[in-house]
């Protein structure tokens, strides 16, 4: 399938904007939309394109969903994520280093449970925790890492 096939034969499911920065496609990229829905990239595809609050369209084609960025001829298969917790980290955020604890304003505490290192300082950033069906991930400042709930 190519872009023209998707546009011609696909059914528009959603037109919205990315809520924040859009930095293209990569492995398991997470897409929070301005309409309150959350989508995740299903298969690896790399394409870099930066846009703030990019206008997007999601198409359904042959029982799969594909996200396109308006004005670009790239697309990626995505899946709707329904099990989502949105909160704020209650203290300084310095990224993660392997065993980082995330204390949230809703009283929950989560701990990093997969190794990854990412330095990124932010004061009380928003955090989105979502289920991948098998485990949970936390999305903060445009990046995500696997977590488990402590409280």
C-alpha atoms as a PDB file:
ATOM      1  CA  UNK A   1       0.000   0.000   0.000  1.00  0.00           C
ATOM      2  CA  UNK A   2       1.222   3.479  -0.791  1.00  0.00           C
ATOM      3  CA  UNK A   3       0.129   6.930   0.374  1.00  0.00           C
ATOM      4  CA  UNK A   4      -2.239   7.532  -2.566  1.00  0.00           C
ATOM      5  CA  UNK A   5      -3.927   4.147  -2.002  1.00  0.00           C
ATOM      6  CA  UNK A   6      -4.469   5.015   1.683  1.00  0.00           C
ATOM      7  CA  UNK A   7      -5.923   8.451   0.906  1.00  0.00           C
ATOM      8  CA  UNK A   8      -8.146   7.172  -1.934  1.00  0.00           C
ATOM      9  CA  UNK A   9      -9.454   4.002  -0.291  1.00  0.00           C
ATOM     10  CA  UNK A  10      -9.177   4.687   3.434  1.00  0.00           C
ATOM     11  CA  UNK A  11     -11.979   6.036   5.605  1.00  0.00           C
ATOM     12  CA  UNK A  12     -11.230   9.113   7.712  1.00  0.00           C
ATOM     13  CA  UNK A  13     -11.673   8.187  11.397  1.00  0.00           C
ATOM     14  CA  UNK A  14     -10.202  11.259  13.108  1.00  0.00           C
ATOM     15  CA  UNK A  15      -8.951  14.713  12.204  1.00  0.00           C
ATOM     16  CA  UNK A  16      -7.151  16.424  15.074  1.00  0.00           C
ATOM     17  CA  UNK A  17      -3.836  17.911  16.207  1.00  0.00           C
ATOM     18  CA  UNK A  18      -0.943  16.441  18.127  1.00  0.00           C
ATOM     19  CA  UNK A  19      -1.081  17.852  21.667  1.00  0.00           C
ATOM     20  CA  UNK A  20       2.414  19.372  21.787  1.00  0.00           C
ATOM     21  CA  UNK A  21       5.534  18.628  19.745  1.00  0.00           C
ATOM     22  CA  UNK A  22       5.445  16.170  16.868  1.00  0.00           C
ATOM     23  CA  UNK A  23       8.844  14.704  15.993  1.00  0.00           C
ATOM     24  CA  UNK A  24       7.953  12.129  13.365  1.00  0.00           C
ATOM     25  CA  UNK A  25       7.786   8.360  13.572  1.00  0.00           C
ATOM     26  CA  UNK A  26      10.077   5.958  15.432  1.00  0.00           C
ATOM     27  CA  UNK A  27       9.750   2.787  17.518  1.00  0.00           C
ATOM     28  CA  UNK A  28       6.578   2.745  19.696  1.00  0.00           C
ATOM     29  CA  UNK A  29       6.055   6.488  19.257  1.00  0.00           C
ATOM     30  CA  UNK A  30       3.188   7.820  21.383  1.00  0.00           C
ATOM     31  CA  UNK A  31       0.755  10.369  19.907  1.00  0.00           C
ATOM     32  CA  UNK A  32      -1.390  12.371  22.365  1.00  0.00           C
ATOM     33  CA  UNK A  33      -4.085  14.202  20.405  1.00  0.00           C
ATOM     34  CA  UNK A  34      -5.709  17.528  21.160  1.00  0.00           C
ATOM     35  CA  UNK A  35      -9.114  15.792  21.136  1.00  0.00           C
ATOM     36  CA  UNK A  36      -8.106  13.753  24.225  1.00  0.00           C
ATOM     37  CA  UNK A  37      -7.417  10.462  22.406  1.00  0.00           C
ATOM     38  CA  UNK A  38      -4.074   8.651  22.520  1.00  0.00           C
ATOM     39  CA  UNK A  39      -2.553   6.556  19.736  1.00  0.00           C
ATOM     40  CA  UNK A  40       0.659   4.511  19.619  1.00  0.00           C
ATOM     41  CA  UNK A  41       2.762   3.504  16.645  1.00  0.00           C
ATOM     42  CA  UNK A  42       2.410  -0.255  16.032  1.00  0.00           C
ATOM     43  CA  UNK A  43       5.378  -1.096  13.815  1.00  0.00           C
ATOM     44  CA  UNK A  44       8.836   0.380  13.445  1.00  0.00           C
ATOM     45  CA  UNK A  45       9.168   3.095  10.839  1.00  0.00           C
ATOM     46  CA  UNK A  46      11.541   6.018  11.117  1.00  0.00           C
ATOM     47  CA  UNK A  47      10.716   9.401   9.638  1.00  0.00           C
ATOM     48  CA  UNK A  48      11.744  12.717  11.175  1.00  0.00           C
ATOM     49  CA  UNK A  49       9.551  15.768  10.778  1.00  0.00           C
ATOM     50  CA  UNK A  50       9.185  18.440  13.453  1.00  0.00           C
ATOM     51  CA  UNK A  51       5.985  20.385  13.895  1.00  0.00           C
ATOM     52  CA  UNK A  52       4.312  21.966  16.889  1.00  0.00           C
ATOM     53  CA  UNK A  53       0.694  20.775  17.209  1.00  0.00           C
ATOM     54  CA  UNK A  54       0.793  19.082  13.804  1.00  0.00           C
ATOM     55  CA  UNK A  55      -2.547  18.605  12.070  1.00  0.00           C
ATOM     56  CA  UNK A  56      -3.098  14.876  11.591  1.00  0.00           C
ATOM     57  CA  UNK A  57      -5.611  12.558   9.992  1.00  0.00           C
ATOM     58  CA  UNK A  58      -6.183   8.943  11.007  1.00  0.00           C
ATOM     59  CA  UNK A  59      -7.547   6.611   8.350  1.00  0.00           C
ATOM     60  CA  UNK A  60      -9.028   3.143   8.657  1.00  0.00           C
ATOM     61  CA  UNK A  61      -7.949   0.863   5.827  1.00  0.00           C
ATOM     62  CA  UNK A  62      -8.455  -2.924   5.726  1.00  0.00           C
ATOM     63  CA  UNK A  63      -9.210  -3.044   9.501  1.00  0.00           C
ATOM     64  CA  UNK A  64      -6.020  -1.159  10.429  1.00  0.00           C
ATOM     65  CA  UNK A  65      -5.496   2.491  11.375  1.00  0.00           C
ATOM     66  CA  UNK A  66      -2.906   4.811   9.879  1.00  0.00           C
ATOM     67  CA  UNK A  67      -1.784   8.271  10.996  1.00  0.00           C
ATOM     68  CA  UNK A  68      -0.784  10.889   8.437  1.00  0.00           C
ATOM     69  CA  UNK A  69       0.486  14.419   8.956  1.00  0.00           C
ATOM     70  CA  UNK A  70      -1.454  16.879   6.833  1.00  0.00           C
ATOM     71  CA  UNK A  71       0.677  18.140   3.948  1.00  0.00           C
ATOM     72  CA  UNK A  72       3.164  15.227   4.172  1.00  0.00           C
ATOM     73  CA  UNK A  73       3.099  11.970   2.222  1.00  0.00           C
ATOM     74  CA  UNK A  74       4.182   9.739   5.094  1.00  0.00           C
ATOM     75  CA  UNK A  75       2.008   7.447   7.187  1.00  0.00           C
ATOM     76  CA  UNK A  76       2.391   4.902   9.969  1.00  0.00           C
ATOM     77  CA  UNK A  77       0.158   2.191  11.409  1.00  0.00           C
ATOM     78  CA  UNK A  78      -1.240   3.156  14.828  1.00  0.00           C
ATOM     79  CA  UNK A  79      -3.418   1.689  17.559  1.00  0.00           C
ATOM     80  CA  UNK A  80      -5.838   3.510  19.878  1.00  0.00           C
ATOM     81  CA  UNK A  81      -4.817   3.373  23.563  1.00  0.00           C
ATOM     82  CA  UNK A  82      -7.729   3.408  26.005  1.00  0.00           C
ATOM     83  CA  UNK A  83      -6.106   2.637  29.387  1.00  0.00           C
ATOM     84  CA  UNK A  84      -4.499   6.032  30.130  1.00  0.00           C
ATOM     85  CA  UNK A  85      -3.685   7.931  33.342  1.00  0.00           C
ATOM     86  CA  UNK A  86      -2.804  11.617  32.993  1.00  0.00           C
ATOM     87  CA  UNK A  87      -1.141  13.313  35.985  1.00  0.00           C
ATOM     88  CA  UNK A  88       1.675  15.665  36.997  1.00  0.00           C
ATOM     89  CA  UNK A  89       4.997  14.654  38.512  1.00  0.00           C
ATOM     90  CA  UNK A  90       5.042  16.425  41.903  1.00  0.00           C
ATOM     91  CA  UNK A  91       8.728  17.284  42.064  1.00  0.00           C
ATOM     92  CA  UNK A  92      11.670  18.108  39.831  1.00  0.00           C
ATOM     93  CA  UNK A  93      12.048  15.713  36.923  1.00  0.00           C
ATOM     94  CA  UNK A  94      15.557  14.828  35.793  1.00  0.00           C
ATOM     95  CA  UNK A  95      14.711  12.109  33.292  1.00  0.00           C
ATOM     96  CA  UNK A  96      15.343   8.474  34.190  1.00  0.00           C
ATOM     97  CA  UNK A  97      18.396   6.430  34.986  1.00  0.00           C
ATOM     98  CA  UNK A  98      17.322   2.822  35.492  1.00  0.00           C
ATOM     99  CA  UNK A  99      15.378   2.833  38.767  1.00  0.00           C
ATOM    100  CA  UNK A 100      13.698   6.252  38.774  1.00  0.00           C
ATOM    101  CA  UNK A 101      10.660   6.789  41.025  1.00  0.00           C
ATOM    102  CA  UNK A 102       7.791   8.911  39.683  1.00  0.00           C
ATOM    103  CA  UNK A 103       5.520  10.472  42.340  1.00  0.00           C
ATOM    104  CA  UNK A 104       2.308  11.821  40.832  1.00  0.00           C
ATOM    105  CA  UNK A 105      -0.165  14.447  42.013  1.00  0.00           C
ATOM    106  CA  UNK A 106      -2.936  11.809  42.059  1.00  0.00           C
ATOM    107  CA  UNK A 107      -1.094   9.941  44.872  1.00  0.00           C
ATOM    108  CA  UNK A 108       0.226   7.149  42.667  1.00  0.00           C
ATOM    109  CA  UNK A 109       3.893   6.151  42.718  1.00  0.00           C
ATOM    110  CA  UNK A 110       5.498   4.384  39.763  1.00  0.00           C
ATOM    111  CA  UNK A 111       9.014   2.989  39.329  1.00  0.00           C
ATOM    112  CA  UNK A 112      11.022   2.528  36.169  1.00  0.00           C
ATOM    113  CA  UNK A 113      11.289  -1.204  35.428  1.00  0.00           C
ATOM    114  CA  UNK A 114      13.316  -1.310  32.227  1.00  0.00           C
ATOM    115  CA  UNK A 115      16.778   0.068  31.731  1.00  0.00           C
ATOM    116  CA  UNK A 116      17.011   3.285  29.822  1.00  0.00           C
ATOM    117  CA  UNK A 117      18.835   6.535  30.504  1.00  0.00           C
ATOM    118  CA  UNK A 118      17.454   9.890  29.468  1.00  0.00           C
ATOM    119  CA  UNK A 119      18.430  13.210  31.064  1.00  0.00           C
ATOM    120  CA  UNK A 120      15.796  15.910  30.754  1.00  0.00           C
ATOM    121  CA  UNK A 121      15.184  18.488  33.475  1.00  0.00           C
ATOM    122  CA  UNK A 122      11.687  19.858  33.933  1.00  0.00           C
ATOM    123  CA  UNK A 123       9.734  21.216  36.900  1.00  0.00           C
ATOM    124  CA  UNK A 124       6.441  19.353  37.555  1.00  0.00           C
ATOM    125  CA  UNK A 125       5.940  18.061  34.003  1.00  0.00           C
ATOM    126  CA  UNK A 126       2.810  16.290  32.839  1.00  0.00           C
ATOM    127  CA  UNK A 127       3.047  12.501  32.724  1.00  0.00           C
ATOM    128  CA  UNK A 128       0.890  10.046  30.823  1.00  0.00           C
ATOM    129  CA  UNK A 129       0.901   6.404  31.911  1.00  0.00           C
ATOM    130  CA  UNK A 130      -0.562   3.919  29.488  1.00  0.00           C
ATOM    131  CA  UNK A 131      -0.972   0.192  29.114  1.00  0.00           C
ATOM    132  CA  UNK A 132       0.567  -1.621  26.174  1.00  0.00           C
ATOM    133  CA  UNK A 133      -1.561  -4.655  26.975  1.00  0.00           C
ATOM    134  CA  UNK A 134       1.304  -6.436  28.750  1.00  0.00           C
ATOM    135  CA  UNK A 135       2.924  -3.688  30.799  1.00  0.00           C
ATOM    136  CA  UNK A 136       2.816   0.055  31.478  1.00  0.00           C
ATOM    137  CA  UNK A 137       4.865   2.916  30.117  1.00  0.00           C
ATOM    138  CA  UNK A 138       5.221   6.515  31.278  1.00  0.00           C
ATOM    139  CA  UNK A 139       5.418   9.290  28.689  1.00  0.00           C
ATOM    140  CA  UNK A 140       7.137  12.486  29.888  1.00  0.00           C
ATOM    141  CA  UNK A 141       8.568  15.334  27.822  1.00  0.00           C
ATOM    142  CA  UNK A 142       8.246  13.443  24.534  1.00  0.00           C
ATOM    143  CA  UNK A 143       9.901  10.168  25.662  1.00  0.00           C
ATOM    144  CA  UNK A 144       8.635   6.972  27.294  1.00  0.00           C
ATOM    145  CA  UNK A 145       9.981   4.175  29.485  1.00  0.00           C
ATOM    146  CA  UNK A 146       8.511   1.045  31.069  1.00  0.00           C
ATOM    147  CA  UNK A 147       7.191   1.369  34.635  1.00  0.00           C
ATOM    148  CA  UNK A 148       5.447  -0.635  37.375  1.00  0.00           C
ATOM    149  CA  UNK A 149       3.110   0.752  40.005  1.00  0.00           C
ATOM    150  CA  UNK A 150       4.302   0.844  43.605  1.00  0.00           C
ATOM    151  CA  UNK A 151       1.302   2.681  45.089  1.00  0.00           C
END
